[in-house]
């Protein structure tokens, strides 16, 4: 189970954070051949 922690400066909109999580999740799925449900991302 990949676990990824991302520290961001304040001021990012929820929409931007959601898109970031989706893009990183897809990159992990494509690279590691795991399911999206297995990816944990902490903002």
N, C-alpha and C. Protein backbone atom coordinates (compact mmCIF):
# COMPACT_ATOMS: atom_id res chain seq x y z
N UNK A 1 0.84 -1.17 0.00
CA UNK A 1 0.00 0.00 0.00
C UNK A 1 0.89 1.24 0.00
N UNK A 2 0.94 1.97 -1.09
CA UNK A 2 1.72 3.20 -1.13
C UNK A 2 1.06 4.27 -0.25
N UNK A 3 1.87 4.95 0.54
CA UNK A 3 1.41 6.07 1.36
C UNK A 3 2.24 7.29 0.98
N UNK A 4 1.56 8.37 0.64
CA UNK A 4 2.23 9.57 0.16
C UNK A 4 1.77 10.74 1.01
N UNK A 5 2.71 11.51 1.52
CA UNK A 5 2.37 12.71 2.30
C UNK A 5 2.82 13.92 1.51
N UNK A 6 1.92 14.91 1.41
CA UNK A 6 2.20 16.13 0.67
C UNK A 6 1.95 17.32 1.60
N UNK A 7 2.95 18.18 1.74
CA UNK A 7 2.80 19.41 2.51
C UNK A 7 2.67 20.56 1.52
N UNK A 8 1.58 21.31 1.65
CA UNK A 8 1.31 22.44 0.77
C UNK A 8 1.20 23.72 1.59
N UNK A 9 1.54 24.83 0.96
CA UNK A 9 1.25 26.12 1.57
C UNK A 9 -0.26 26.33 1.55
N UNK A 10 -0.75 27.11 2.49
CA UNK A 10 -2.18 27.41 2.54
C UNK A 10 -2.61 28.18 1.30
N UNK A 11 -3.91 28.14 1.05
CA UNK A 11 -4.46 28.93 -0.04
C UNK A 11 -4.88 28.14 -1.26
N UNK A 12 -4.61 26.85 -1.28
CA UNK A 12 -5.04 26.03 -2.41
C UNK A 12 -6.52 25.69 -2.25
N UNK A 13 -7.25 25.78 -3.32
CA UNK A 13 -8.69 25.49 -3.26
C UNK A 13 -8.92 23.99 -3.15
N UNK A 14 -10.09 23.60 -2.63
CA UNK A 14 -10.42 22.18 -2.57
C UNK A 14 -10.39 21.51 -3.94
N UNK A 15 -10.77 22.25 -4.97
CA UNK A 15 -10.77 21.69 -6.32
C UNK A 15 -9.35 21.37 -6.78
N UNK A 16 -8.42 22.26 -6.48
CA UNK A 16 -7.01 22.04 -6.86
C UNK A 16 -6.45 20.85 -6.09
N UNK A 17 -6.76 20.75 -4.81
CA UNK A 17 -6.29 19.62 -4.00
C UNK A 17 -6.87 18.31 -4.52
N UNK A 18 -8.13 18.32 -4.89
CA UNK A 18 -8.77 17.11 -5.41
C UNK A 18 -8.10 16.67 -6.71
N UNK A 19 -7.82 17.62 -7.60
CA UNK A 19 -7.16 17.30 -8.86
C UNK A 19 -5.75 16.77 -8.62
N UNK A 20 -5.04 17.35 -7.67
CA UNK A 20 -3.70 16.88 -7.32
C UNK A 20 -3.74 15.43 -6.85
N UNK A 21 -4.67 15.12 -5.95
CA UNK A 21 -4.81 13.76 -5.43
C UNK A 21 -5.15 12.79 -6.56
N UNK A 22 -6.05 13.18 -7.45
CA UNK A 22 -6.42 12.31 -8.57
C UNK A 22 -5.23 12.05 -9.48
N UNK A 23 -4.48 13.09 -9.79
CA UNK A 23 -3.33 12.94 -10.69
C UNK A 23 -2.23 12.07 -10.07
N UNK A 24 -1.94 12.30 -8.80
CA UNK A 24 -0.91 11.50 -8.14
C UNK A 24 -1.36 10.05 -8.00
N UNK A 25 -2.61 9.85 -7.63
CA UNK A 25 -3.14 8.49 -7.53
C UNK A 25 -3.00 7.75 -8.85
N UNK A 26 -3.36 8.40 -9.94
CA UNK A 26 -3.27 7.76 -11.25
C UNK A 26 -1.82 7.44 -11.61
N UNK A 27 -0.90 8.34 -11.28
CA UNK A 27 0.52 8.08 -11.57
C UNK A 27 1.03 6.87 -10.78
N UNK A 28 0.61 6.76 -9.53
CA UNK A 28 1.03 5.62 -8.70
C UNK A 28 0.43 4.33 -9.25
N UNK A 29 -0.84 4.36 -9.61
CA UNK A 29 -1.52 3.18 -10.17
C UNK A 29 -0.81 2.73 -11.45
N UNK A 30 -0.52 3.67 -12.32
CA UNK A 30 0.14 3.34 -13.59
C UNK A 30 1.55 2.79 -13.38
N UNK A 31 2.27 3.34 -12.44
CA UNK A 31 3.66 2.95 -12.21
C UNK A 31 3.79 1.65 -11.43
N UNK A 32 2.99 1.52 -10.36
CA UNK A 32 3.13 0.36 -9.47
C UNK A 32 2.13 -0.76 -9.76
N UNK A 33 1.21 -0.50 -10.69
CA UNK A 33 0.20 -1.51 -11.07
C UNK A 33 -0.61 -1.98 -9.86
N UNK A 34 -1.04 -1.02 -9.05
CA UNK A 34 -1.88 -1.33 -7.90
C UNK A 34 -3.25 -0.70 -8.12
N UNK A 35 -4.18 -1.00 -7.25
CA UNK A 35 -5.51 -0.42 -7.38
C UNK A 35 -5.52 0.98 -6.76
N UNK A 36 -6.40 1.85 -7.25
CA UNK A 36 -6.49 3.20 -6.68
C UNK A 36 -6.84 3.17 -5.19
N UNK A 37 -7.60 2.17 -4.78
CA UNK A 37 -8.00 2.06 -3.38
C UNK A 37 -6.81 1.77 -2.46
N UNK A 38 -5.73 1.27 -3.02
CA UNK A 38 -4.55 0.93 -2.23
C UNK A 38 -3.66 2.14 -1.96
N UNK A 39 -3.92 3.25 -2.64
CA UNK A 39 -3.08 4.44 -2.53
C UNK A 39 -3.63 5.36 -1.45
N UNK A 40 -2.78 5.71 -0.47
CA UNK A 40 -3.15 6.66 0.58
C UNK A 40 -2.37 7.94 0.37
N UNK A 41 -3.09 9.06 0.29
CA UNK A 41 -2.46 10.36 0.13
C UNK A 41 -2.92 11.24 1.27
N UNK A 42 -1.97 11.82 1.98
CA UNK A 42 -2.26 12.70 3.11
C UNK A 42 -1.82 14.11 2.73
N UNK A 43 -2.76 15.04 2.81
CA UNK A 43 -2.43 16.44 2.55
C UNK A 43 -2.33 17.18 3.86
